[in-house]
Amino acid sequence: MRALIKIVLLGLLVFAGLILALSEWGEVVVLRPLGDESGRETRLWVVDLDDGPWLRGSYGKGWAEAAVMAGRAELRRDGVWSRYRVYEVPGRRARDQVNAAMREKYGFSDRFIGWTEDFGEARPLRLEPLP
């Protein structure tokens, strides 16, 4: 029985490590909501659609909620910090476009992580450059 528990725990650790490694594969940006006194920074994937950069978040507490509530955020991309207006674009069309772009850009990593997260309920977030 102990051997089985060790195998299961080892399998979970390998799975978690793989998710962590895959989440850092490809372009990763850093988001910092403006006005958030915690100084919290979140590492994320980003895609560019015709109208600019987009992020994919979840509903509820966390970085996506903080960014939408603040309405503005700083994004570090290619080592450069830029300021953006952040807002959710509701609807299936925006979600499907962002999910398809993420799948195309991040490939296997996006599909693998999709086994643990429901991207069908993702929150598409549009970033508009601030002057």
Protein backbone atom coordinates (compact mmCIF):
# COMPACT_ATOMS: atom_id res chain seq x y z
CA MET A 1 0.00 0.00 0.00
CA ARG A 2 2.85 2.43 0.80
CA ALA A 3 4.43 1.76 -2.59
CA LEU A 4 1.15 2.65 -4.32
CA ILE A 5 0.86 5.88 -2.33
CA LYS A 6 4.44 6.79 -3.24
CA ILE A 7 3.77 6.10 -6.92
CA VAL A 8 0.60 8.22 -6.87
CA LEU A 9 2.37 11.09 -5.08
CA LEU A 10 5.30 10.92 -7.47
CA GLY A 11 2.89 10.96 -10.41
CA LEU A 12 1.13 14.04 -9.01
CA LEU A 13 4.45 15.81 -8.50
CA VAL A 14 5.55 15.02 -12.05
CA PHE A 15 2.18 16.20 -13.42
CA ALA A 16 2.37 19.46 -11.42
CA GLY A 17 5.95 20.02 -12.54
CA LEU A 18 5.00 19.44 -16.15
CA ILE A 19 2.16 21.97 -15.93
CA LEU A 20 4.52 24.51 -14.37
CA ALA A 21 7.15 23.94 -17.06
CA LEU A 22 4.62 24.09 -19.90
CA SER A 23 3.07 27.30 -18.54
CA GLU A 24 6.46 28.98 -19.03
CA TRP A 25 6.86 27.69 -22.59
CA GLY A 26 6.63 30.34 -25.30
CA GLU A 27 6.06 34.04 -24.79
CA VAL A 28 5.24 34.88 -21.16
CA VAL A 29 4.39 38.43 -20.09
CA VAL A 30 4.06 39.97 -16.63
CA LEU A 31 0.88 41.82 -15.62
CA ARG A 32 0.63 44.25 -12.71
CA PRO A 33 -2.80 45.90 -12.08
CA LEU A 34 -2.44 49.65 -11.52
CA GLY A 35 -3.69 50.83 -8.16
CA ASP A 36 -3.14 47.40 -6.61
CA GLU A 37 -1.09 48.22 -3.53
CA SER A 38 -0.01 44.59 -3.10
CA GLY A 39 2.46 44.91 -5.98
CA ARG A 40 1.25 41.54 -7.23
CA GLU A 41 2.70 40.47 -10.56
CA THR A 42 1.29 37.59 -12.59
CA ARG A 43 3.02 35.69 -15.38
CA LEU A 44 0.67 35.05 -18.31
CA TRP A 45 0.36 34.07 -21.91
CA VAL A 46 -0.65 36.76 -24.38
CA VAL A 47 -1.96 36.68 -27.93
CA ASP A 48 -2.25 39.40 -30.53
CA LEU A 49 -5.45 39.66 -32.50
CA ASP A 50 -6.12 42.32 -35.15
CA ASP A 51 -6.98 44.94 -32.54
CA GLY A 52 -4.07 44.30 -30.17
CA PRO A 53 -3.05 42.11 -27.23
CA TRP A 54 -5.45 39.85 -25.34
CA LEU A 55 -5.21 37.78 -22.15
CA ARG A 56 -7.28 34.85 -20.95
CA GLY A 57 -8.36 34.79 -17.31
CA SER A 58 -10.81 33.16 -14.95
CA TYR A 59 -13.82 34.55 -13.12
CA GLY A 60 -13.69 35.24 -9.41
CA LYS A 61 -10.82 36.40 -7.27
CA GLY A 62 -7.32 36.61 -8.64
CA TRP A 63 -5.28 38.56 -11.14
CA ALA A 64 -8.06 38.81 -13.76
CA GLU A 65 -10.55 40.21 -11.26
CA ALA A 66 -7.97 42.69 -9.93
CA ALA A 67 -7.08 43.88 -13.45
CA VAL A 68 -10.70 44.30 -14.53
CA MET A 69 -11.62 46.06 -11.27
CA ALA A 70 -8.65 48.43 -11.61
CA GLY A 71 -9.42 48.92 -15.30
CA ARG A 72 -5.75 49.59 -15.93
CA ALA A 73 -2.58 47.55 -15.74
CA GLU A 74 1.08 47.53 -16.62
CA LEU A 75 2.33 44.76 -18.86
CA ARG A 76 5.97 43.77 -19.28
CA ARG A 77 6.56 42.33 -22.70
CA ASP A 78 10.01 41.81 -24.19
CA GLY A 79 11.46 43.53 -21.12
CA VAL A 80 9.46 46.75 -21.65
CA TRP A 81 6.69 47.95 -19.31
CA SER A 82 3.64 49.51 -21.00
CA ARG A 83 0.34 50.72 -19.56
CA TYR A 84 -3.02 49.46 -20.80
CA ARG A 85 -6.70 49.83 -20.22
CA VAL A 86 -8.02 46.34 -19.32
CA TYR A 87 -11.58 45.24 -19.92
CA GLU A 88 -13.49 42.04 -20.47
CA VAL A 89 -15.13 41.45 -23.82
CA PRO A 90 -18.13 39.26 -23.03
CA GLY A 91 -19.52 36.65 -25.35
CA ARG A 92 -18.66 33.39 -26.97
CA ARG A 93 -17.14 34.93 -30.09
CA ALA A 94 -14.36 36.78 -28.22
CA ARG A 95 -13.69 33.76 -25.99
CA ASP A 96 -13.49 31.41 -28.99
CA GLN A 97 -11.13 33.77 -30.85
CA VAL A 98 -8.79 34.12 -27.88
CA ASN A 99 -8.86 30.38 -27.17
CA ALA A 100 -8.10 29.57 -30.83
CA ALA A 101 -5.23 32.08 -30.90
CA MET A 102 -3.81 30.66 -27.65
CA ARG A 103 -4.06 27.12 -29.05
CA GLU A 104 -2.29 28.16 -32.24
CA LYS A 105 0.47 30.12 -30.49
CA TYR A 106 1.16 27.82 -27.52
CA GLY A 107 0.26 24.49 -29.12
CA PHE A 108 0.73 21.40 -26.96
CA SER A 109 1.23 23.48 -23.81
CA ASP A 110 -2.20 25.07 -24.21
CA ARG A 111 -3.88 21.73 -24.90
CA PHE A 112 -2.17 20.00 -21.97
CA ILE A 113 -3.02 22.75 -19.48
CA GLY A 114 -6.54 22.75 -20.92
CA TRP A 115 -6.98 19.29 -19.40
CA THR A 116 -6.85 20.92 -15.97
CA GLU A 117 -8.62 24.21 -16.73
CA ASP A 118 -11.94 24.90 -18.46
CA PHE A 119 -10.99 27.33 -21.21
CA GLY A 120 -14.60 27.13 -22.42
CA GLU A 121 -15.41 29.38 -19.46
CA ALA A 122 -12.41 31.66 -19.96
CA ARG A 123 -12.61 35.41 -19.53
CA PRO A 124 -11.27 37.21 -22.64
CA LEU A 125 -9.49 40.41 -21.62
CA ARG A 126 -8.66 43.12 -24.12
CA LEU A 127 -5.70 45.44 -23.57
CA GLU A 128 -5.82 48.95 -25.07
CA PRO A 129 -2.66 51.08 -24.84
CA LEU A 130 -2.95 54.08 -22.54
CA PRO A 131 -1.51 57.42 -23.70
